[in-house]
Amino acid sequence: MNEQRGRGKYTLEFKQEAVRQVKAGRAASVVAKTLGMPKASLTNWVRADAQGQLGMTAEGKPAPVVTPEQAEIARLRAEVARLKMERDIAKKAAAYFAQDVLQGTPGSSR
């Protein structure tokens, strides 16, 4: 499960959406896991955003403009990742409670 990946390229909108979720109070580790990205990258983006440098390239130039369609795709991808995580949590909870019901005594030790 811990497979090595190449260096990821993320759109500015993806970065902004991830940073927005952290600013809204979600833990950076949870957001990073939900979006399938390294936590270190996300914390770097949060730091860059606080310094007003998130929309800049390494050379200090403004990042290229992204179309509204690309922004919507990035937003929807983040939402899909969040919904998948919520679904997986619900599945695990349902399986846990179904096992208790089948054993006949809710909360019994295994």
PDB file of N, CA and C in Angstrom:
ATOM      1  N   MET A   1       0.808  -1.183   0.000  1.00  0.00           N
ATOM      2  CA  MET A   1       0.000   0.000   0.000  1.00  0.00           C
ATOM      3  C   MET A   1       0.859   1.257   0.000  1.00  0.00           C
ATOM      4  N   ASN A   2       2.070   1.173   0.518  1.00  0.00           N
ATOM      5  CA  ASN A   2       2.939   2.324   0.609  1.00  0.00           C
ATOM      6  C   ASN A   2       3.872   2.356  -0.595  1.00  0.00           C
ATOM      7  N   GLU A   3       3.316   2.468  -1.771  1.00  0.00           N
ATOM      8  CA  GLU A   3       4.105   2.408  -2.980  1.00  0.00           C
ATOM      9  C   GLU A   3       4.686   3.771  -3.321  1.00  0.00           C
ATOM     10  N   GLN A   4       5.867   3.758  -3.934  1.00  0.00           N
ATOM     11  CA  GLN A   4       6.524   5.001  -4.324  1.00  0.00           C
ATOM     12  C   GLN A   4       5.873   5.533  -5.594  1.00  0.00           C
ATOM     13  N   ARG A   5       5.668   6.839  -5.605  1.00  0.00           N
ATOM     14  CA  ARG A   5       5.105   7.472  -6.789  1.00  0.00           C
ATOM     15  C   ARG A   5       6.073   8.531  -7.267  1.00  0.00           C
ATOM     16  N   GLY A   6       5.916   8.920  -8.531  1.00  0.00           N
ATOM     17  CA  GLY A   6       6.707  10.019  -9.045  1.00  0.00           C
ATOM     18  C   GLY A   6       6.218  11.329  -8.448  1.00  0.00           C
ATOM     19  N   ARG A   7       6.957  12.363  -8.683  1.00  0.00           N
ATOM     20  CA  ARG A   7       6.605  13.678  -8.161  1.00  0.00           C
ATOM     21  C   ARG A   7       5.285  14.127  -8.780  1.00  0.00           C
ATOM     22  N   GLY A   8       4.327  14.494  -7.938  1.00  0.00           N
ATOM     23  CA  GLY A   8       3.004  14.878  -8.414  1.00  0.00           C
ATOM     24  C   GLY A   8       2.954  16.309  -8.907  1.00  0.00           C
ATOM     25  N   LYS A   9       2.150  16.555  -9.894  1.00  0.00           N
ATOM     26  CA  LYS A   9       1.891  17.911 -10.386  1.00  0.00           C
ATOM     27  C   LYS A   9       0.460  18.225 -10.016  1.00  0.00           C
ATOM     28  N   TYR A  10       0.261  19.337  -9.343  1.00  0.00           N
ATOM     29  CA  TYR A  10      -1.065  19.721  -8.895  1.00  0.00           C
ATOM     30  C   TYR A  10      -1.401  21.097  -9.443  1.00  0.00           C
ATOM     31  N   THR A  11      -2.659  21.265  -9.828  1.00  0.00           N
ATOM     32  CA  THR A  11      -3.092  22.570 -10.314  1.00  0.00           C
ATOM     33  C   THR A  11      -3.181  23.544  -9.149  1.00  0.00           C
ATOM     34  N   LEU A  12      -3.143  24.814  -9.472  1.00  0.00           N
ATOM     35  CA  LEU A  12      -3.266  25.843  -8.443  1.00  0.00           C
ATOM     36  C   LEU A  12      -4.598  25.710  -7.724  1.00  0.00           C
ATOM     37  N   GLU A  13      -5.648  25.386  -8.449  1.00  0.00           N
ATOM     38  CA  GLU A  13      -6.964  25.243  -7.835  1.00  0.00           C
ATOM     39  C   GLU A  13      -7.002  24.068  -6.872  1.00  0.00           C
ATOM     40  N   PHE A  14      -6.333  22.986  -7.229  1.00  0.00           N
ATOM     41  CA  PHE A  14      -6.265  21.828  -6.342  1.00  0.00           C
ATOM     42  C   PHE A  14      -5.575  22.232  -5.039  1.00  0.00           C
ATOM     43  N   LYS A  15      -4.448  22.944  -5.184  1.00  0.00           N
ATOM     44  CA  LYS A  15      -3.710  23.401  -4.004  1.00  0.00           C
ATOM     45  C   LYS A  15      -4.583  24.324  -3.153  1.00  0.00           C
ATOM     46  N   GLN A  16      -5.266  25.268  -3.808  1.00  0.00           N
ATOM     47  CA  GLN A  16      -6.105  26.210  -3.075  1.00  0.00           C
ATOM     48  C   GLN A  16      -7.244  25.493  -2.349  1.00  0.00           C
ATOM     49  N   GLU A  17      -7.828  24.493  -2.983  1.00  0.00           N
ATOM     50  CA  GLU A  17      -8.915  23.742  -2.349  1.00  0.00           C
ATOM     51  C   GLU A  17      -8.392  22.972  -1.139  1.00  0.00           C
ATOM     52  N   ALA A  18      -7.218  22.369  -1.271  1.00  0.00           N
ATOM     53  CA  ALA A  18      -6.631  21.633  -0.157  1.00  0.00           C
ATOM     54  C   ALA A  18      -6.321  22.585   1.006  1.00  0.00           C
ATOM     55  N   VAL A  19      -5.745  23.736   0.691  1.00  0.00           N
ATOM     56  CA  VAL A  19      -5.429  24.730   1.722  1.00  0.00           C
ATOM     57  C   VAL A  19      -6.717  25.242   2.366  1.00  0.00           C
ATOM     58  N   ARG A  20      -7.761  25.446   1.561  1.00  0.00           N
ATOM     59  CA  ARG A  20      -9.037  25.929   2.091  1.00  0.00           C
ATOM     60  C   ARG A  20      -9.592  24.937   3.124  1.00  0.00           C
ATOM     61  N   GLN A  21      -9.468  23.640   2.837  1.00  0.00           N
ATOM     62  CA  GLN A  21      -9.972  22.631   3.769  1.00  0.00           C
ATOM     63  C   GLN A  21      -9.205  22.676   5.094  1.00  0.00           C
ATOM     64  N   VAL A  22      -7.890  22.904   5.019  1.00  0.00           N
ATOM     65  CA  VAL A  22      -7.092  22.997   6.244  1.00  0.00           C
ATOM     66  C   VAL A  22      -7.483  24.260   7.017  1.00  0.00           C
ATOM     67  N   LYS A  23      -7.662  25.366   6.298  1.00  0.00           N
ATOM     68  CA  LYS A  23      -8.062  26.618   6.956  1.00  0.00           C
ATOM     69  C   LYS A  23      -9.447  26.498   7.588  1.00  0.00           C
ATOM     70  N   ALA A  24     -10.287  25.626   7.029  1.00  0.00           N
ATOM     71  CA  ALA A  24     -11.639  25.432   7.558  1.00  0.00           C
ATOM     72  C   ALA A  24     -11.628  24.582   8.831  1.00  0.00           C
ATOM     73  N   GLY A  25     -10.448  24.086   9.216  1.00  0.00           N
ATOM     74  CA  GLY A  25     -10.364  23.361  10.476  1.00  0.00           C
ATOM     75  C   GLY A  25     -10.072  21.882  10.368  1.00  0.00           C
ATOM     76  N   ARG A  26     -10.018  21.332   9.162  1.00  0.00           N
ATOM     77  CA  ARG A  26      -9.692  19.917   9.023  1.00  0.00           C
ATOM     78  C   ARG A  26      -8.197  19.720   9.213  1.00  0.00           C
ATOM     79  N   ALA A  27      -7.807  18.626   9.809  1.00  0.00           N
ATOM     80  CA  ALA A  27      -6.388  18.341  10.035  1.00  0.00           C
ATOM     81  C   ALA A  27      -5.686  18.128   8.697  1.00  0.00           C
ATOM     82  N   ALA A  28      -4.467  18.657   8.591  1.00  0.00           N
ATOM     83  CA  ALA A  28      -3.699  18.535   7.353  1.00  0.00           C
ATOM     84  C   ALA A  28      -3.473  17.069   6.998  1.00  0.00           C
ATOM     85  N   SER A  29      -3.244  16.221   8.004  1.00  0.00           N
ATOM     86  CA  SER A  29      -3.012  14.803   7.724  1.00  0.00           C
ATOM     87  C   SER A  29      -4.261  14.150   7.129  1.00  0.00           C
ATOM     88  N   VAL A  30      -5.440  14.546   7.612  1.00  0.00           N
ATOM     89  CA  VAL A  30      -6.699  13.984   7.110  1.00  0.00           C
ATOM     90  C   VAL A  30      -6.943  14.460   5.677  1.00  0.00           C
ATOM     91  N   VAL A  31      -6.736  15.749   5.437  1.00  0.00           N
ATOM     92  CA  VAL A  31      -6.938  16.301   4.092  1.00  0.00           C
ATOM     93  C   VAL A  31      -5.982  15.636   3.116  1.00  0.00           C
ATOM     94  N   ALA A  32      -4.715  15.513   3.496  1.00  0.00           N
ATOM     95  CA  ALA A  32      -3.718  14.901   2.612  1.00  0.00           C
ATOM     96  C   ALA A  32      -4.085  13.454   2.292  1.00  0.00           C
ATOM     97  N   LYS A  33      -4.513  12.703   3.305  1.00  0.00           N
ATOM     98  CA  LYS A  33      -4.883  11.302   3.080  1.00  0.00           C
ATOM     99  C   LYS A  33      -6.112  11.218   2.173  1.00  0.00           C
ATOM    100  N   THR A  34      -7.080  12.089   2.412  1.00  0.00           N
ATOM    101  CA  THR A  34      -8.290  12.101   1.604  1.00  0.00           C
ATOM    102  C   THR A  34      -7.977  12.386   0.143  1.00  0.00           C
ATOM    103  N   LEU A  35      -7.066  13.320  -0.092  1.00  0.00           N
ATOM    104  CA  LEU A  35      -6.735  13.716  -1.457  1.00  0.00           C
ATOM    105  C   LEU A  35      -5.649  12.834  -2.076  1.00  0.00           C
ATOM    106  N   GLY A  36      -5.102  11.898  -1.283  1.00  0.00           N
ATOM    107  CA  GLY A  36      -4.094  10.981  -1.816  1.00  0.00           C
ATOM    108  C   GLY A  36      -2.788  11.668  -2.154  1.00  0.00           C
ATOM    109  N   MET A  37      -2.323  12.514  -1.250  1.00  0.00           N
ATOM    110  CA  MET A  37      -1.104  13.274  -1.512  1.00  0.00           C
ATOM    111  C   MET A  37      -0.251  13.317  -0.252  1.00  0.00           C
ATOM    112  N   PRO A  38       1.025  13.678  -0.375  1.00  0.00           N
ATOM    113  CA  PRO A  38       1.885  13.758   0.811  1.00  0.00           C
ATOM    114  C   PRO A  38       1.485  14.914   1.730  1.00  0.00           C
ATOM    115  N   LYS A  39       1.507  14.650   3.023  1.00  0.00           N
ATOM    116  CA  LYS A  39       1.171  15.683   4.002  1.00  0.00           C
ATOM    117  C   LYS A  39       2.170  16.831   3.932  1.00  0.00           C
ATOM    118  N   ALA A  40       3.439  16.522   3.678  1.00  0.00           N
ATOM    119  CA  ALA A  40       4.467  17.559   3.619  1.00  0.00           C
ATOM    120  C   ALA A  40       4.163  18.584   2.520  1.00  0.00           C
ATOM    121  N   SER A  41       3.667  18.117   1.386  1.00  0.00           N
ATOM    122  CA  SER A  41       3.317  19.046   0.309  1.00  0.00           C
ATOM    123  C   SER A  41       2.209  19.983   0.763  1.00  0.00           C
ATOM    124  N   LEU A  42       1.206  19.418   1.416  1.00  0.00           N
ATOM    125  CA  LEU A  42       0.085  20.234   1.873  1.00  0.00           C
ATOM    126  C   LEU A  42       0.535  21.273   2.897  1.00  0.00           C
ATOM    127  N   THR A  43       1.367  20.873   3.840  1.00  0.00           N
ATOM    128  CA  THR A  43       1.824  21.849   4.839  1.00  0.00           C
ATOM    129  C   THR A  43       2.682  22.932   4.192  1.00  0.00           C
ATOM    130  N   ASN A  44       3.436  22.570   3.156  1.00  0.00           N
ATOM    131  CA  ASN A  44       4.201  23.585   2.408  1.00  0.00           C
ATOM    132  C   ASN A  44       3.256  24.571   1.726  1.00  0.00           C
ATOM    133  N   TRP A  45       2.155  24.057   1.160  1.00  0.00           N
ATOM    134  CA  TRP A  45       1.194  24.937   0.494  1.00  0.00           C
ATOM    135  C   TRP A  45       0.530  25.878   1.490  1.00  0.00           C
ATOM    136  N   VAL A  46       0.192  25.344   2.668  1.00  0.00           N
ATOM    137  CA  VAL A  46      -0.437  26.178   3.704  1.00  0.00           C
ATOM    138  C   VAL A  46       0.521  27.290   4.105  1.00  0.00           C
ATOM    139  N   ARG A  47       1.797  26.955   4.284  1.00  0.00           N
ATOM    140  CA  ARG A  47       2.804  27.949   4.642  1.00  0.00           C
ATOM    141  C   ARG A  47       2.950  28.989   3.524  1.00  0.00           C
ATOM    142  N   ALA A  48       3.018  28.526   2.277  1.00  0.00           N
ATOM    143  CA  ALA A  48       3.149  29.445   1.138  1.00  0.00           C
ATOM    144  C   ALA A  48       1.929  30.361   1.037  1.00  0.00           C
ATOM    145  N   ASP A  49       0.745  29.820   1.302  1.00  0.00           N
ATOM    146  CA  ASP A  49      -0.474  30.621   1.251  1.00  0.00           C
ATOM    147  C   ASP A  49      -0.439  31.712   2.322  1.00  0.00           C
ATOM    148  N   ALA A  50       0.047  31.363   3.500  1.00  0.00           N
ATOM    149  CA  ALA A  50       0.127  32.345   4.590  1.00  0.00           C
ATOM    150  C   ALA A  50       1.081  33.481   4.231  1.00  0.00           C
ATOM    151  N   GLN A  51       2.084  33.186   3.414  1.00  0.00           N
ATOM    152  CA  GLN A  51       3.050  34.197   2.980  1.00  0.00           C
ATOM    153  C   GLN A  51       2.638  34.868   1.672  1.00  0.00           C
ATOM    154  N   GLY A  52       1.463  34.490   1.151  1.00  0.00           N
ATOM    155  CA  GLY A  52       0.984  35.075  -0.100  1.00  0.00           C
ATOM    156  C   GLY A  52       1.722  34.589  -1.325  1.00  0.00           C
ATOM    157  N   GLN A  53       2.342  33.415  -1.242  1.00  0.00           N
ATOM    158  CA  GLN A  53       3.154  32.912  -2.348  1.00  0.00           C
ATOM    159  C   GLN A  53       2.605  31.636  -2.972  1.00  0.00           C
ATOM    160  N   LEU A  54       1.412  31.237  -2.619  1.00  0.00           N
ATOM    161  CA  LEU A  54       0.879  29.977  -3.148  1.00  0.00           C
ATOM    162  C   LEU A  54       0.680  30.040  -4.653  1.00  0.00           C
ATOM    163  N   GLY A  55       0.273  31.168  -5.180  1.00  0.00           N
ATOM    164  CA  GLY A  55       0.019  31.290  -6.614  1.00  0.00           C
ATOM    165  C   GLY A  55       1.229  31.661  -7.427  1.00  0.00           C
ATOM    166  N   MET A  56       2.430  31.465  -6.874  1.00  0.00           N
ATOM    167  CA  MET A  56       3.654  31.838  -7.581  1.00  0.00           C
ATOM    168  C   MET A  56       4.411  30.594  -8.035  1.00  0.00           C
ATOM    169  N   THR A  57       5.151  30.744  -9.141  1.00  0.00           N
ATOM    170  CA  THR A  57       6.029  29.671  -9.594  1.00  0.00           C
ATOM    171  C   THR A  57       7.340  29.768  -8.838  1.00  0.00           C
ATOM    172  N   ALA A  58       8.230  28.808  -9.037  1.00  0.00           N
ATOM    173  CA  ALA A  58       9.528  28.817  -8.359  1.00  0.00           C
ATOM    174  C   ALA A  58      10.342  30.061  -8.733  1.00  0.00           C
ATOM    175  N   GLU A  59      10.100  30.594  -9.921  1.00  0.00           N
ATOM    176  CA  GLU A  59      10.839  31.779 -10.371  1.00  0.00           C
ATOM    177  C   GLU A  59      10.228  33.070  -9.833  1.00  0.00           C
ATOM    178  N   GLY A  60       9.138  32.959  -9.075  1.00  0.00           N
ATOM    179  CA  GLY A  60       8.498  34.150  -8.515  1.00  0.00           C
ATOM    180  C   GLY A  60       7.473  34.790  -9.441  1.00  0.00           C
ATOM    181  N   LYS A  61       7.165  34.126 -10.542  1.00  0.00           N
ATOM    182  CA  LYS A  61       6.164  34.642 -11.484  1.00  0.00           C
ATOM    183  C   LYS A  61       4.793  34.108 -11.094  1.00  0.00           C
ATOM    184  N   PRO A  62       3.730  34.828 -11.446  1.00  0.00           N
ATOM    185  CA  PRO A  62       2.384  34.308 -11.159  1.00  0.00           C
ATOM    186  C   PRO A  62       2.152  32.986 -11.884  1.00  0.00           C
ATOM    187  N   ALA A  63       1.445  32.085 -11.228  1.00  0.00           N
ATOM    188  CA  ALA A  63       1.126  30.792 -11.832  1.00  0.00           C
ATOM    189  C   ALA A  63       0.206  31.013 -13.040  1.00  0.00           C
ATOM    190  N   PRO A  64       0.263  30.116 -14.021  1.00  0.00           N
ATOM    191  CA  PRO A  64      -0.597  30.262 -15.192  1.00  0.00           C
ATOM    192  C   PRO A  64      -2.075  30.234 -14.810  1.00  0.00           C
ATOM    193  N   VAL A  65      -2.864  30.970 -15.558  1.00  0.00           N
ATOM    194  CA  VAL A  65      -4.299  31.046 -15.295  1.00  0.00           C
ATOM    195  C   VAL A  65      -4.954  29.730 -15.692  1.00  0.00           C
ATOM    196  N   VAL A  66      -5.875  29.283 -14.872  1.00  0.00           N
ATOM    197  CA  VAL A  66      -6.570  28.029 -15.119  1.00  0.00           C
ATOM    198  C   VAL A  66      -8.014  28.357 -15.488  1.00  0.00           C
ATOM    199  N   THR A  67      -8.554  27.599 -16.423  1.00  0.00           N
ATOM    200  CA  THR A  67      -9.919  27.855 -16.877  1.00  0.00           C
ATOM    201  C   THR A  67     -10.921  27.489 -15.791  1.00  0.00           C
ATOM    202  N   PRO A  68     -12.124  28.056 -15.846  1.00  0.00           N
ATOM    203  CA  PRO A  68     -13.153  27.690 -14.871  1.00  0.00           C
ATOM    204  C   PRO A  68     -13.472  26.196 -14.890  1.00  0.00           C
ATOM    205  N   GLU A  69     -13.385  25.578 -16.063  1.00  0.00           N
ATOM    206  CA  GLU A  69     -13.648  24.142 -16.158  1.00  0.00           C
ATOM    207  C   GLU A  69     -12.596  23.346 -15.395  1.00  0.00           C
ATOM    208  N   GLN A  70     -11.335  23.743 -15.498  1.00  0.00           N
ATOM    209  CA  GLN A  70     -10.266  23.058 -14.773  1.00  0.00           C
ATOM    210  C   GLN A  70     -10.444  23.237 -13.266  1.00  0.00           C
ATOM    211  N   ALA A  71     -10.867  24.423 -12.860  1.00  0.00           N
ATOM    212  CA  ALA A  71     -11.109  24.681 -11.439  1.00  0.00           C
ATOM    213  C   ALA A  71     -12.250  23.796 -10.931  1.00  0.00           C
ATOM    214  N   GLU A  72     -13.299  23.675 -11.719  1.00  0.00           N
ATOM    215  CA  GLU A  72     -14.440  22.841 -11.330  1.00  0.00           C
ATOM    216  C   GLU A  72     -14.028  21.371 -11.237  1.00  0.00           C
ATOM    217  N   ILE A  73     -13.215  20.922 -12.166  1.00  0.00           N
ATOM    218  CA  ILE A  73     -12.729  19.540 -12.130  1.00  0.00           C
ATOM    219  C   ILE A  73     -11.921  19.300 -10.860  1.00  0.00           C
ATOM    220  N   ALA A  74     -11.046  20.234 -10.509  1.00  0.00           N
ATOM    221  CA  ALA A  74     -10.238  20.083  -9.289  1.00  0.00           C
ATOM    222  C   ALA A  74     -11.133  20.045  -8.058  1.00  0.00           C
ATOM    223  N   ARG A  75     -12.128  20.918  -8.010  1.00  0.00           N
ATOM    224  CA  ARG A  75     -13.051  20.948  -6.876  1.00  0.00           C
ATOM    225  C   ARG A  75     -13.827  19.642  -6.776  1.00  0.00           C
ATOM    226  N   LEU A  76     -14.300  19.146  -7.903  1.00  0.00           N
ATOM    227  CA  LEU A  76     -15.066  17.899  -7.911  1.00  0.00           C
ATOM    228  C   LEU A  76     -14.198  16.702  -7.524  1.00  0.00           C
ATOM    229  N   ARG A  77     -12.941  16.695  -7.960  1.00  0.00           N
ATOM    230  CA  ARG A  77     -12.041  15.599  -7.569  1.00  0.00           C
ATOM    231  C   ARG A  77     -11.845  15.581  -6.063  1.00  0.00           C
ATOM    232  N   ALA A  78     -11.678  16.755  -5.470  1.00  0.00           N
ATOM    233  CA  ALA A  78     -11.513  16.835  -4.015  1.00  0.00           C
ATOM    234  C   ALA A  78     -12.784  16.352  -3.314  1.00  0.00           C
ATOM    235  N   GLU A  79     -13.935  16.732  -3.853  1.00  0.00           N
ATOM    236  CA  GLU A  79     -15.207  16.308  -3.257  1.00  0.00           C
ATOM    237  C   GLU A  79     -15.398  14.796  -3.379  1.00  0.00           C
ATOM    238  N   VAL A  80     -15.047  14.240  -4.532  1.00  0.00           N
ATOM    239  CA  VAL A  80     -15.156  12.792  -4.729  1.00  0.00           C
ATOM    240  C   VAL A  80     -14.265  12.062  -3.725  1.00  0.00           C
ATOM    241  N   ALA A  81     -13.046  12.555  -3.525  1.00  0.00           N
ATOM    242  CA  ALA A  81     -12.138  11.919  -2.571  1.00  0.00           C
ATOM    243  C   ALA A  81     -12.726  11.964  -1.162  1.00  0.00           C
ATOM    244  N   ARG A  82     -13.303  13.100  -0.783  1.00  0.00           N
ATOM    245  CA  ARG A  82     -13.906  13.234   0.545  1.00  0.00           C
ATOM    246  C   ARG A  82     -15.088  12.284   0.696  1.00  0.00           C
ATOM    247  N   LEU A  83     -15.932  12.204  -0.328  1.00  0.00           N
ATOM    248  CA  LEU A  83     -17.105  11.324  -0.265  1.00  0.00           C
ATOM    249  C   LEU A  83     -16.715   9.853  -0.217  1.00  0.00           C
ATOM    250  N   LYS A  84     -15.651   9.482  -0.931  1.00  0.00           N
ATOM    251  CA  LYS A  84     -15.179   8.095  -0.877  1.00  0.00           C
ATOM    252  C   LYS A  84     -14.721   7.746   0.531  1.00  0.00           C
ATOM    253  N   MET A  85     -14.021   8.682   1.168  1.00  0.00           N
ATOM    254  CA  MET A  85     -13.566   8.436   2.532  1.00  0.00           C
ATOM    255  C   MET A  85     -14.762   8.262   3.465  1.00  0.00           C
ATOM    256  N   GLU A  86     -15.764   9.129   3.336  1.00  0.00           N
ATOM    257  CA  GLU A  86     -16.956   9.015   4.179  1.00  0.00           C
ATOM    258  C   GLU A  86     -17.678   7.695   3.930  1.00  0.00           C
ATOM    259  N   ARG A  87     -17.762   7.289   2.676  1.00  0.00           N
ATOM    260  CA  ARG A  87     -18.415   6.019   2.334  1.00  0.00           C
ATOM    261  C   ARG A  87     -17.679   4.846   2.966  1.00  0.00           C
ATOM    262  N   ASP A  88     -16.349   4.873   2.879  1.00  0.00           N
ATOM    263  CA  ASP A  88     -15.557   3.780   3.444  1.00  0.00           C
ATOM    264  C   ASP A  88     -15.728   3.697   4.958  1.00  0.00           C
ATOM    265  N   ILE A  89     -15.800   4.842   5.612  1.00  0.00           N
ATOM    266  CA  ILE A  89     -16.020   4.855   7.060  1.00  0.00           C
ATOM    267  C   ILE A  89     -17.386   4.254   7.382  1.00  0.00           C
ATOM    268  N   ALA A  90     -18.410   4.630   6.625  1.00  0.00           N
ATOM    269  CA  ALA A  90     -19.756   4.105   6.855  1.00  0.00           C
ATOM    270  C   ALA A  90     -19.803   2.593   6.624  1.00  0.00           C
ATOM    271  N   LYS A  91     -19.104   2.107   5.597  1.00  0.00           N
ATOM    272  CA  LYS A  91     -19.065   0.671   5.327  1.00  0.00           C
ATOM    273  C   LYS A  91     -18.443  -0.091   6.491  1.00  0.00           C
ATOM    274  N   LYS A  92     -17.328   0.442   7.016  1.00  0.00           N
ATOM    275  CA  LYS A  92     -16.651  -0.226   8.123  1.00  0.00           C
ATOM    276  C   LYS A  92     -17.528  -0.234   9.371  1.00  0.00           C
ATOM    277  N   ALA A  93     -18.225   0.877   9.610  1.00  0.00           N
ATOM    278  CA  ALA A  93     -19.107   0.941  10.777  1.00  0.00           C
ATOM    279  C   ALA A  93     -20.259  -0.047  10.621  1.00  0.00           C
ATOM    280  N   ALA A  94     -20.834  -0.122   9.443  1.00  0.00           N
ATOM    281  CA  ALA A  94     -21.945  -1.048   9.206  1.00  0.00           C
ATOM    282  C   ALA A  94     -21.486  -2.496   9.395  1.00  0.00           C
ATOM    283  N   ALA A  95     -20.302  -2.815   8.902  1.00  0.00           N
ATOM    284  CA  ALA A  95     -19.785  -4.178   9.046  1.00  0.00           C
ATOM    285  C   ALA A  95     -19.544  -4.505  10.516  1.00  0.00           C
ATOM    286  N   TYR A  96     -19.028  -3.550  11.266  1.00  0.00           N
ATOM    287  CA  TYR A  96     -18.768  -3.763  12.693  1.00  0.00           C
ATOM    288  C   TYR A  96     -20.068  -4.039  13.445  1.00  0.00           C
ATOM    289  N   PHE A  97     -21.081  -3.204  13.206  1.00  0.00           N
ATOM    290  CA  PHE A  97     -22.344  -3.382  13.916  1.00  0.00           C
ATOM    291  C   PHE A  97     -23.095  -4.625  13.441  1.00  0.00           C
ATOM    292  N   ALA A  98     -22.975  -4.978  12.178  1.00  0.00           N
ATOM    293  CA  ALA A  98     -23.604  -6.198  11.677  1.00  0.00           C
ATOM    294  C   ALA A  98     -22.982  -7.418  12.336  1.00  0.00           C
ATOM    295  N   GLN A  99     -21.684  -7.380  12.567  1.00  0.00           N
ATOM    296  CA  GLN A  99     -21.019  -8.507  13.215  1.00  0.00           C
ATOM    297  C   GLN A  99     -21.519  -8.656  14.656  1.00  0.00           C
ATOM    298  N   ASP A 100     -21.705  -7.547  15.351  1.00  0.00           N
ATOM    299  CA  ASP A 100     -22.232  -7.600  16.713  1.00  0.00           C
ATOM    300  C   ASP A 100     -23.646  -8.178  16.730  1.00  0.00           C
ATOM    301  N   VAL A 101     -24.471  -7.782  15.774  1.00  0.00           N
ATOM    302  CA  VAL A 101     -25.844  -8.276  15.720  1.00  0.00           C
ATOM    303  C   VAL A 101     -25.852  -9.772  15.446  1.00  0.00           C
ATOM    304  N   LEU A 102     -24.981 -10.220  14.550  1.00  0.00           N
ATOM    305  CA  LEU A 102     -24.920 -11.640  14.234  1.00  0.00           C
ATOM    306  C   LEU A 102     -24.461 -12.473  15.445  1.00  0.00           C
ATOM    307  N   GLN A 103     -23.615 -11.889  16.275  1.00  0.00           N
ATOM    308  CA  GLN A 103     -23.156 -12.598  17.465  1.00  0.00           C
ATOM    309  C   GLN A 103     -24.218 -12.582  18.560  1.00  0.00           C
ATOM    310  N   GLY A 104     -25.216 -11.747  18.412  1.00  0.00           N
ATOM    311  CA  GLY A 104     -26.346 -11.746  19.343  1.00  0.00           C
ATOM    312  C   GLY A 104     -26.189 -10.850  20.541  1.00  0.00           C
ATOM    313  N   THR A 105     -25.015 -10.352  20.794  1.00  0.00           N
ATOM    314  CA  THR A 105     -24.825  -9.476  21.940  1.00  0.00           C
ATOM    315  C   THR A 105     -24.046  -8.238  21.515  1.00  0.00           C
ATOM    316  N   PRO A 106     -24.728  -7.149  21.295  1.00  0.00           N
ATOM    317  CA  PRO A 106     -24.027  -5.915  20.880  1.00  0.00           C
ATOM    318  C   PRO A 106     -22.963  -5.525  21.900  1.00  0.00           C
ATOM    319  N   GLY A 107     -21.805  -5.161  21.387  1.00  0.00           N
ATOM    320  CA  GLY A 107     -20.720  -4.715  22.256  1.00  0.00           C
ATOM    321  C   GLY A 107     -19.943  -5.835  22.919  1.00  0.00           C
ATOM    322  N   SER A 108     -20.225  -7.078  22.543  1.00  0.00           N
ATOM    323  CA  SER A 108     -19.513  -8.184  23.182  1.00  0.00           C
ATOM    324  C   SER A 108     -18.074  -8.235  22.694  1.00  0.00           C
ATOM    325  N   SER A 109     -17.189  -8.751  23.546  1.00  0.00           N
ATOM    326  CA  SER A 109     -15.793  -8.868  23.126  1.00  0.00           C
ATOM    327  C   SER A 109     -15.633 -10.057  22.197  1.00  0.00           C
ATOM    328  N   ARG A 110     -14.610  -9.979  21.367  1.00  0.00           N
ATOM    329  CA  ARG A 110     -14.423 -11.031  20.359  1.00  0.00           C
ATOM    330  C   ARG A 110     -13.496 -12.071  20.822  1.00  0.00           C
TER     331      ARG A 110
END
